[in-house]
Protein backbone atom coordinates (compact mmCIF):
# COMPACT_ATOMS: atom_id res chain seq x y z
CA MET A 1 -18.42 19.12 -9.49
CA ASN A 2 -17.96 22.25 -11.65
CA TRP A 3 -15.72 22.50 -14.68
CA LYS A 4 -12.93 24.23 -12.74
CA GLU A 5 -12.68 21.40 -10.23
CA LEU A 6 -12.84 18.84 -13.03
CA PHE A 7 -10.00 20.55 -14.89
CA PHE A 8 -7.99 20.85 -11.66
CA LYS A 9 -8.27 17.16 -10.88
CA LEU A 10 -7.59 16.02 -14.44
CA ALA A 11 -4.54 18.29 -14.68
CA LEU A 12 -3.03 16.87 -11.49
CA LEU A 13 -3.69 13.30 -12.60
CA ALA A 14 -2.12 14.06 -15.98
CA VAL A 15 1.06 15.26 -14.25
CA VAL A 16 1.24 12.13 -12.12
CA ALA A 17 0.49 9.86 -15.08
CA TYR A 18 3.14 11.58 -17.23
CA PHE A 19 5.96 10.86 -14.79
CA ALA A 20 4.65 7.41 -13.86
CA ILE A 21 4.31 6.19 -17.45
CA GLY A 22 7.77 7.51 -18.23
CA ALA A 23 9.23 5.51 -15.34
CA ILE A 24 7.22 2.40 -16.32
CA ASN A 25 8.49 2.59 -19.90
CA ASP A 26 12.08 2.92 -18.69
CA LYS A 27 11.61 -0.10 -16.43
CA GLU A 28 10.18 -2.20 -19.25
CA LYS A 29 13.34 -1.65 -21.31
CA ILE A 30 15.28 -3.80 -18.84
CA LYS A 31 15.97 -7.24 -20.29
CA ASP A 32 13.81 -10.05 -18.88
CA PHE A 33 11.87 -7.59 -16.75
CA SER A 34 8.74 -8.94 -15.07
CA VAL A 35 6.59 -7.65 -12.20
CA ILE A 36 5.56 -11.25 -11.47
CA HIS A 37 8.46 -12.15 -9.21
CA ASN A 38 9.30 -12.71 -5.54
CA ASP A 39 6.23 -12.15 -3.30
CA VAL A 40 4.05 -11.46 -6.33
CA ASN A 41 4.49 -15.09 -7.39
CA PHE A 42 2.52 -15.99 -4.26
CA TYR A 43 -0.08 -13.20 -4.55
CA TYR A 44 -0.75 -13.92 -8.20
CA SER A 45 -0.68 -17.74 -8.15
CA TYR A 46 -4.37 -17.98 -7.20
CA LEU A 47 -5.51 -16.64 -10.58
CA PRO A 48 -3.82 -19.02 -13.04
CA ALA A 49 -4.43 -21.91 -10.62
CA LEU A 50 -8.16 -21.18 -10.43
CA PHE A 51 -9.06 -19.74 -13.83
CA ILE A 52 -6.59 -21.42 -16.19
CA TYR A 53 -5.65 -24.74 -14.62
CA GLY A 54 -8.75 -25.23 -12.42
CA ASP A 55 -6.70 -26.71 -9.60
CA MET A 56 -6.26 -24.91 -6.27
CA SER A 57 -4.25 -27.86 -4.95
CA PHE A 58 -1.40 -26.79 -7.28
CA GLU A 59 -0.86 -30.38 -8.40
CA PHE A 60 -1.00 -29.18 -12.02
CA VAL A 61 2.47 -27.70 -11.55
CA ASP A 62 4.01 -31.18 -11.77
CA ASN A 63 2.84 -31.45 -15.38
CA LEU A 64 4.31 -28.14 -16.54
CA ALA A 65 7.58 -27.61 -18.33
CA GLU A 66 10.43 -26.73 -15.99
CA LYS A 67 10.61 -23.09 -17.13
CA ASP A 68 6.90 -22.63 -16.37
CA ARG A 69 7.04 -24.60 -13.13
CA LYS A 70 9.48 -22.10 -11.61
CA LYS A 71 7.00 -19.26 -11.98
CA ILE A 72 4.28 -20.75 -9.78
CA TRP A 73 5.14 -20.54 -6.11
CA PHE A 74 3.47 -22.45 -3.31
CA LEU A 75 4.27 -23.91 0.10
CA THR A 76 3.80 -27.52 1.18
CA ASP A 77 2.50 -28.34 4.68
CA PRO A 78 3.42 -31.48 6.68
CA ASP A 79 0.48 -33.32 5.07
CA ASP A 80 1.86 -32.54 1.58
CA ASN A 81 -0.94 -30.03 0.90
CA ARG A 82 0.13 -27.19 -1.37
CA HIS A 83 -1.03 -23.61 -0.82
CA SER A 84 0.04 -20.02 -1.36
CA LYS A 85 1.92 -18.32 1.45
CA MET A 86 0.03 -15.05 0.92
CA THR A 87 -3.67 -14.31 1.23
CA ALA A 88 -5.80 -13.76 -1.87
CA GLY A 89 -6.69 -10.06 -1.60
CA ASN A 90 -4.15 -8.92 -4.14
CA ALA A 91 -5.39 -11.57 -6.58
CA VAL A 92 -8.89 -10.10 -6.26
CA MET A 93 -7.49 -6.68 -7.16
CA TYR A 94 -5.61 -8.15 -10.13
CA LEU A 95 -8.69 -10.01 -11.37
CA PRO A 96 -10.15 -7.52 -13.92
CA PHE A 97 -6.69 -6.94 -15.41
CA PHE A 98 -5.94 -10.65 -15.45
CA LEU A 99 -9.20 -11.45 -17.24
CA GLY A 100 -8.57 -8.75 -19.83
CA ALA A 101 -5.06 -10.08 -20.43
CA HIS A 102 -6.35 -13.65 -20.67
CA VAL A 103 -8.94 -12.76 -23.31
CA TYR A 104 -6.24 -10.92 -25.26
CA ALA A 105 -3.79 -13.83 -24.98
CA LEU A 106 -6.43 -16.31 -26.16
CA ASN A 107 -6.93 -14.24 -29.29
CA SER A 108 -3.25 -13.60 -30.02
CA ASP A 109 -0.01 -15.48 -30.53
CA TYR A 110 0.91 -15.23 -26.84
CA ASP A 111 0.69 -18.23 -24.54
CA ALA A 112 -2.56 -18.08 -22.53
CA ASN A 113 -0.79 -19.58 -19.50
CA GLY A 114 -1.05 -16.67 -17.07
CA TYR A 115 2.60 -15.70 -17.33
CA SER A 116 3.20 -14.38 -20.85
CA VAL A 117 3.66 -10.71 -21.77
CA PRO A 118 -0.02 -9.62 -21.73
CA TYR A 119 -0.48 -10.78 -18.14
CA ASP A 120 2.72 -9.09 -17.01
CA LYS A 121 1.85 -5.79 -18.66
CA ALA A 122 -1.68 -5.89 -17.27
CA LEU A 123 -0.38 -6.26 -13.72
CA HIS A 124 2.30 -3.64 -14.32
CA TYR A 125 -0.22 -0.98 -15.30
CA SER A 126 -2.87 -2.04 -12.78
CA ALA A 127 -1.10 -0.12 -10.02
CA LEU A 128 -1.18 3.11 -12.03
CA VAL A 129 -4.91 2.68 -12.64
CA TYR A 130 -5.58 2.15 -8.93
CA LEU A 131 -3.33 5.07 -8.00
CA LEU A 132 -5.13 7.48 -10.34
CA PHE A 133 -8.58 6.38 -9.17
CA GLY A 134 -7.40 6.68 -5.56
CA LEU A 135 -6.04 10.18 -6.10
CA TRP A 136 -9.25 11.25 -7.86
CA ILE A 137 -11.38 10.14 -4.92
CA LEU A 138 -8.91 11.59 -2.40
CA MET A 139 -8.94 14.99 -4.11
CA GLY A 140 -12.72 15.08 -4.07
CA LEU A 141 -12.75 14.43 -0.33
CA LEU A 142 -9.97 16.89 0.53
CA LEU A 143 -11.46 19.71 -1.57
CA LYS A 144 -14.49 19.72 0.74
CA TYR A 145 -12.33 21.01 3.57
CA TYR A 146 -9.11 22.50 2.18
CA SER A 147 -7.86 24.91 -0.48
CA TRP A 148 -6.97 23.89 -4.01
CA THR A 149 -3.35 24.85 -3.39
CA ALA A 150 -3.12 22.60 -0.34
CA VAL A 151 -4.70 19.67 -2.19
CA ALA A 152 -2.40 20.11 -5.19
CA LEU A 153 0.69 20.17 -2.97
CA THR A 154 -0.49 17.02 -1.18
CA VAL A 155 -1.13 15.07 -4.39
CA VAL A 156 2.28 15.94 -5.82
CA ALA A 157 4.05 15.22 -2.53
CA LEU A 158 2.42 11.81 -2.08
CA ALA A 159 2.36 10.56 -5.66
CA LEU A 160 5.78 11.79 -6.75
CA GLY A 161 7.71 12.54 -3.57
CA THR A 162 7.39 9.22 -1.71
CA ASN A 163 8.01 5.52 -2.28
CA LEU A 164 4.40 5.28 -3.45
CA PHE A 165 5.88 6.31 -6.81
CA TYR A 166 8.35 3.41 -6.86
CA TYR A 167 5.66 0.86 -6.03
CA THR A 168 3.45 2.29 -8.78
CA THR A 169 6.09 2.18 -11.47
CA HIS A 170 8.50 -0.63 -10.61
CA GLU A 171 7.27 -3.27 -8.15
CA SER A 172 3.75 -2.37 -9.13
CA ALA A 173 2.16 -5.74 -8.47
CA MET A 174 2.96 -5.62 -4.75
CA THR A 175 0.14 -4.92 -2.31
CA HIS A 176 0.85 -1.32 -1.45
CA VAL A 177 -0.78 0.72 -4.22
CA ASN A 178 -3.84 -1.53 -4.16
CA SER A 179 -4.10 -1.01 -0.40
CA PHE A 180 -3.60 2.74 -0.81
CA PHE A 181 -6.57 2.83 -3.20
CA LEU A 182 -8.74 0.80 -0.81
CA PHE A 183 -7.73 2.99 2.14
CA VAL A 184 -8.80 6.08 0.19
CA LEU A 185 -12.10 4.43 -0.65
CA PHE A 186 -12.58 3.43 2.98
CA ILE A 187 -11.94 7.00 4.19
CA TYR A 188 -14.36 8.35 1.59
CA PHE A 189 -17.13 6.00 2.69
CA THR A 190 -16.35 6.64 6.37
CA GLU A 191 -17.06 10.33 5.86
CA ARG A 192 -20.14 9.61 3.73
CA TRP A 193 -21.45 6.99 6.18
CA HIS A 194 -21.56 9.59 8.93
CA ARG A 195 -22.75 12.45 6.74
CA LYS A 196 -25.68 10.42 5.38
CA LYS A 197 -26.65 9.02 8.80
CA PHE A 198 -25.45 5.42 8.50
CA GLN A 199 -27.31 4.35 5.37
CA VAL A 200 -27.28 0.60 4.80
CA THR A 201 -25.83 0.97 1.29
CA ASP A 202 -22.87 2.92 2.63
CA SER A 203 -22.44 0.29 5.33
CA ILE A 204 -22.17 -2.36 2.63
CA TYR A 205 -19.57 -0.33 0.74
CA LEU A 206 -17.59 0.19 3.95
CA GLY A 207 -17.76 -3.52 4.70
CA LEU A 208 -16.64 -4.55 1.22
CA CYS A 209 -13.67 -2.17 1.41
CA LEU A 210 -12.73 -3.39 4.88
CA GLY A 211 -13.01 -7.01 3.80
CA LEU A 212 -10.69 -6.46 0.84
CA ILE A 213 -8.22 -4.50 2.98
CA ILE A 214 -8.04 -7.39 5.44
CA LEU A 215 -7.89 -9.97 2.65
CA ILE A 216 -4.80 -8.24 1.25
CA ARG A 217 -3.01 -7.73 4.58
CA PRO A 218 -4.82 -8.79 7.77
CA THR A 219 -2.98 -6.31 10.01
CA ASN A 220 -4.35 -3.46 7.90
CA GLY A 221 -7.72 -4.24 9.47
CA LEU A 222 -6.69 -1.60 12.02
CA ILE A 223 -8.19 0.89 9.56
CA ALA A 224 -11.58 -0.10 11.03
CA LEU A 225 -10.73 2.32 13.85
CA LEU A 226 -11.41 5.27 11.54
CA PRO A 227 -15.21 5.00 11.40
CA LEU A 228 -15.34 3.89 15.05
CA LEU A 229 -13.46 6.97 16.26
CA TYR A 230 -14.64 9.46 13.61
CA GLY A 231 -16.05 12.56 15.30
CA ILE A 232 -14.62 11.71 18.73
CA SER A 233 -13.50 14.83 20.59
CA ASN A 234 -13.39 13.77 24.28
CA PHE A 235 -14.09 10.82 26.59
CA LYS A 236 -17.79 11.64 26.80
CA SER A 237 -18.14 11.53 23.02
CA ILE A 238 -16.65 8.01 22.96
CA TRP A 239 -19.63 6.62 24.83
CA GLU A 240 -22.03 8.72 22.76
CA LYS A 241 -20.47 7.31 19.59
CA ILE A 242 -20.77 3.72 20.83
CA VAL A 243 -24.45 4.23 21.63
CA LEU A 244 -25.04 5.94 18.28
CA VAL A 245 -23.40 3.18 16.24
CA PHE A 246 -25.15 0.34 18.03
CA LYS A 247 -28.51 2.04 17.52
CA GLN A 248 -27.91 1.56 13.80
CA LYS A 249 -28.19 -2.22 14.13
CA TRP A 250 -29.11 -2.88 10.50
CA SER A 251 -26.31 -0.71 9.19
CA LEU A 252 -23.82 -2.33 11.54
CA LEU A 253 -25.02 -5.81 10.55
CA ALA A 254 -24.74 -4.93 6.86
CA LEU A 255 -21.17 -3.72 7.39
CA ILE A 256 -20.11 -6.85 9.29
CA LEU A 257 -21.79 -9.25 6.86
CA SER A 258 -20.39 -7.60 3.73
CA ALA A 259 -16.87 -7.58 5.20
CA SER A 260 -17.26 -11.22 6.25
CA VAL A 261 -18.35 -12.31 2.77
CA VAL A 262 -15.14 -10.91 1.28
CA ILE A 263 -12.90 -12.28 4.03
CA PHE A 264 -14.50 -15.71 3.58
CA ILE A 265 -12.88 -15.93 0.15
CA GLN A 266 -9.65 -16.95 1.86
CA PRO A 267 -10.83 -19.95 3.93
CA PHE A 268 -12.91 -21.03 0.93
CA LEU A 269 -9.80 -21.13 -1.27
CA TRP A 270 -7.82 -22.92 1.43
CA LYS A 271 -10.59 -25.49 1.78
CA LEU A 272 -10.74 -25.92 -1.98
CA GLY A 273 -7.02 -26.59 -2.25
CA THR A 274 -6.08 -28.33 1.00
CA GLY A 275 -9.27 -29.49 2.70
CA ASN A 276 -8.52 -27.17 5.65
CA TRP A 277 -10.47 -24.00 6.44
CA ILE A 278 -7.67 -22.26 8.33
CA ILE A 279 -3.93 -22.25 7.59
CA TYR A 280 -1.08 -20.29 9.14
CA SER A 281 1.32 -20.13 6.25
CA TYR A 282 4.10 -18.07 7.84
CA GLY A 283 5.68 -20.88 9.86
CA GLU A 284 8.15 -19.49 12.39
CA GLU A 285 7.52 -15.89 11.33
CA GLY A 286 5.55 -13.75 13.75
CA PHE A 287 5.28 -10.63 15.89
CA PHE A 288 7.31 -9.56 18.92
CA PHE A 289 4.97 -7.10 20.58
CA THR A 290 7.21 -6.71 23.63
CA ASN A 291 10.17 -5.73 21.46
CA PRO A 292 8.94 -3.46 18.65
CA LYS A 293 11.59 -1.79 16.50
CA ILE A 294 9.81 1.55 16.21
CA ILE A 295 12.89 3.80 16.24
CA ASP A 296 14.60 1.61 13.64
CA GLY A 297 11.44 1.49 11.53
CA LEU A 298 11.16 5.27 11.51
CA PHE A 299 14.75 6.48 11.47
CA SER A 300 17.27 3.74 10.64
CA TYR A 301 19.37 3.96 7.51
CA ARG A 302 18.46 0.35 6.71
CA LYS A 303 14.79 1.12 6.02
CA GLY A 304 13.80 4.14 8.12
CA TRP A 305 10.49 5.55 6.90
CA LEU A 306 11.42 9.20 7.45
CA ILE A 307 14.95 8.70 6.10
CA TYR A 308 13.75 7.54 2.66
CA THR A 309 10.49 9.55 2.54
CA PRO A 310 11.32 12.71 4.54
CA ILE A 311 8.43 14.68 3.00
CA MET A 312 6.04 12.62 5.14
CA ALA A 313 7.29 14.48 8.22
CA LEU A 314 4.97 17.28 7.11
CA SER A 315 1.98 15.00 7.64
CA LEU A 316 3.06 14.48 11.25
CA ILE A 317 3.30 18.23 11.75
CA GLY A 318 -0.15 18.44 10.20
CA LEU A 319 -1.62 16.48 13.12
CA TYR A 320 -1.35 19.69 15.13
CA TYR A 321 -3.52 21.49 12.58
CA LEU A 322 -6.15 18.73 12.72
CA PHE A 323 -6.65 19.62 16.37
CA LYS A 324 -6.44 23.33 15.70
CA THR A 325 -9.26 23.10 13.15
CA ASN A 326 -11.15 20.45 15.18
CA SER A 327 -11.24 17.96 12.33
CA LYS A 328 -13.59 15.03 12.90
CA PHE A 329 -10.77 12.72 11.81
CA LYS A 330 -8.27 13.94 14.43
CA TRP A 331 -8.46 11.20 17.08
CA SER A 332 -9.23 8.41 14.65
CA ILE A 333 -6.10 9.20 12.64
CA ILE A 334 -3.83 9.50 15.67
CA VAL A 335 -5.03 6.30 17.34
CA TYR A 336 -4.89 4.37 14.07
CA PHE A 337 -1.44 5.69 13.16
CA VAL A 338 0.10 4.93 16.56
CA LEU A 339 -1.26 1.37 16.52
CA HIS A 340 -0.17 0.87 12.91
CA ILE A 341 3.38 1.91 13.78
CA TYR A 342 3.42 -0.40 16.80
CA VAL A 343 2.06 -3.45 14.98
CA THR A 344 4.06 -2.89 11.78
CA PHE A 345 7.41 -2.64 13.52
CA SER A 346 6.66 -5.50 15.91
CA TRP A 347 6.89 -7.90 12.94
CA TRP A 348 10.01 -10.06 13.19
CA CYS A 349 11.39 -8.63 9.95
CA TRP A 350 10.72 -4.98 10.74
CA TRP A 351 12.55 -3.89 7.54
CA TYR A 352 10.25 -6.16 5.45
CA GLY A 353 12.94 -7.74 3.30
CA GLY A 354 14.01 -6.11 0.08
CA SER A 355 12.24 -2.79 -0.41
CA PHE A 356 12.69 0.86 -1.20
CA GLY A 357 12.14 2.58 2.13
CA SER A 358 9.52 1.31 4.55
CA ARG A 359 6.95 -0.24 2.24
CA PRO A 360 4.29 -1.15 4.88
CA MET A 361 3.87 2.57 5.54
CA ILE A 362 2.68 3.30 1.99
CA GLU A 363 -1.02 2.54 2.48
CA THR A 364 -1.06 4.90 5.48
CA TYR A 365 -0.40 7.79 3.09
CA ALA A 366 -4.12 7.75 2.29
CA VAL A 367 -4.82 8.49 5.96
CA LEU A 368 -1.88 10.86 6.42
CA ALA A 369 -2.97 12.86 3.37
CA ILE A 370 -5.55 14.54 5.63
CA PRO A 371 -3.10 16.02 8.17
CA MET A 372 -0.63 16.81 5.38
CA THR A 373 -3.29 18.83 3.55
CA ALA A 374 -4.33 20.48 6.81
CA PHE A 375 -0.72 21.60 7.27
CA PHE A 376 -0.46 22.98 3.73
CA HIS A 377 -3.85 24.71 4.05
CA GLU A 378 -3.07 26.49 7.32
CA PHE A 379 0.60 27.23 6.59
CA THR A 380 -0.05 28.88 3.24
CA LYS A 381 -3.07 31.02 4.21
CA LYS A 382 -2.83 34.46 2.58
CA SER A 383 0.90 34.05 1.97
CA TRP A 384 2.27 33.60 -1.51
CA PHE A 385 5.79 33.44 -0.06
CA LYS A 386 4.90 30.40 2.05
CA LYS A 387 3.19 28.77 -0.92
CA ALA A 388 6.32 29.30 -3.01
CA LEU A 389 8.51 28.01 -0.18
CA LEU A 390 6.50 24.80 0.09
CA ALA A 391 6.46 24.39 -3.69
CA VAL A 392 10.27 24.57 -3.71
CA LEU A 393 10.49 22.11 -0.80
CA ILE A 394 8.24 19.62 -2.57
CA TYR A 395 10.15 20.10 -5.82
CA PHE A 396 13.38 19.03 -4.11
CA ALA A 397 11.60 16.18 -2.32
CA VAL A 398 10.38 14.90 -5.69
CA LYS A 399 13.84 15.28 -7.23
CA LEU A 400 15.36 13.37 -4.32
CA ASN A 401 12.74 10.63 -4.58
CA PHE A 402 13.23 10.22 -8.34
CA PHE A 403 17.01 10.10 -7.94
CA GLN A 404 16.90 7.62 -5.07
CA THR A 405 14.42 5.47 -7.00
CA LYS A 406 17.03 5.16 -9.75
CA GLN A 407 19.68 4.44 -7.13
CA TYR A 408 17.57 1.66 -5.67
CA VAL A 409 16.93 0.13 -9.09
CA SER A 410 20.68 0.13 -9.76
CA THR A 411 21.32 -1.19 -6.19
CA LEU A 412 23.33 1.87 -5.15
CA ILE A 413 20.74 1.92 -2.41
CA HIS A 414 20.86 -1.70 -1.31
CA TRP A 415 17.59 -3.60 -0.95
CA ASP A 416 18.16 -4.59 2.69
CA SER A 417 21.71 -3.80 3.83
CA MET A 418 22.09 -0.03 3.97
CA THR A 419 24.00 1.67 6.78
CA LYS A 420 24.57 5.32 7.68
CA GLU A 421 28.02 5.16 6.09
CA ALA A 422 26.71 3.57 2.88
CA TYR A 423 23.82 6.02 2.62
CA TRP A 424 26.01 9.12 2.73
CA ALA A 425 28.70 7.53 0.56
CA VAL A 426 26.20 7.21 -2.31
CA PHE A 427 24.01 10.23 -1.53
CA MET A 428 23.11 11.94 -4.84
CA LYS A 429 25.79 9.93 -6.64
CA GLU A 430 25.51 7.67 -9.67
CA GLU A 431 28.54 5.45 -9.16
CA PHE A 432 29.52 2.92 -6.51
CA PRO A 433 32.25 4.02 -4.11
CA PRO A 434 35.26 1.65 -4.24
CA ASN A 435 34.60 0.35 -0.70
CA TYR A 436 30.81 -0.03 -1.10
CA PHE A 437 30.64 -3.65 0.03
CA GLU A 438 32.58 -2.77 3.17
CA LEU A 439 30.02 -0.11 4.03
CA ILE A 440 26.82 -2.16 3.75
CA GLU A 441 25.76 -4.65 6.44
CA ALA A 442 23.38 -7.53 5.73
CA PRO A 443 20.65 -8.09 8.33
CA ASP A 444 20.64 -11.27 10.40
CA TYR A 445 17.36 -12.89 9.38
CA GLU A 446 17.74 -15.90 11.63
CA LYS A 447 18.41 -13.74 14.69
CA ALA A 448 15.40 -11.59 13.84
CA LYS A 449 13.10 -14.61 13.67
CA VAL A 450 13.70 -15.32 17.35
CA GLY A 451 13.11 -11.71 18.39
CA GLY A 452 16.66 -10.46 18.25
CA GLY A 453 15.92 -7.76 15.69
CA ASP A 454 18.86 -6.41 13.75
């Protein structure tokens, strides 16, 4: 890396950090604000249970004061065993920040109970750290193939023009930024694994990344298709790739074993707390693969991905340029993306509860950054007018995203009940229309659980 590239990358990260820290500071001014709430109570509960209370059965909760007891969430099975609803991957990602906060709390006047201010702030800023590291690695990969202008446009579009920004600055302890970082890392090692002829060390890195990705959200294991289909150009090359990979038996074994070691963390924790190796903690919740809500997931006003993050449409256009330039990622990205859409919107609650836009699409931005950059690179070749046009487009996309983020925080954009009428009634407005509650429509969760959708 030369000094120009270093300055380029640092400058872009500084821009992202400037806006992100500003939004984080505004959020922290809200009274009683905490990122440890809702689903995060489940994700995070492993750490205080294991490292502070030394009890994965969660029986220690009974001895806590009522105000502290409410913070630690768990489910109880028919045998009265207590366990977290969510898997432990996010807790692994929190771990270095949690340990730093715990050491600080032990040496300060704060309660070292896992839930005081130092822990909350550590988790709040952890997403920004993972985002910046992810963008740094992503830029290094993209600069091998595309122009600096294209890479800069992509970084600004993704980091500031999508709901990735909201989940970095507001609900920052959710899974999505952590998964985005791991997806970037996985793509980086996929390219390096092939370029360096399947070295065992790279196989281990790939496996560790894959294991963590699955440990955070099992369905994200579909990302394993990227290295399997990398370099595929036709049907003949599929067989050639299979033969090539299986010839690298030690590398393949290293990948599988390293991924398995990480994934094994979950049954180990379940066994430690309940005596059972395997638990399905989602009860009646599940997938309806014969009735996916793909159109709703992409275009509905309730949570439509392209409604609330329209800039991502450019990444879909960019798929054409991946084929035009014969990118080695072309088929792997398309197959992965199609399957991700199908699986994601086959989940019973296709809108994924309260969220800004379609949150399960956020980690895919690491993958879709490649076709987006390909589009910017080809579209702006030798044309300053086109570069300026795209810069203006991204500027307005960022402005829209910032404004709608504020609307979501103030509930002008409702967390789960938006309709077409409500969306346009509040579009670019700062006050509630007088008939707002007549315009929104709450989803029917019970109907959705039996496959009725909404």
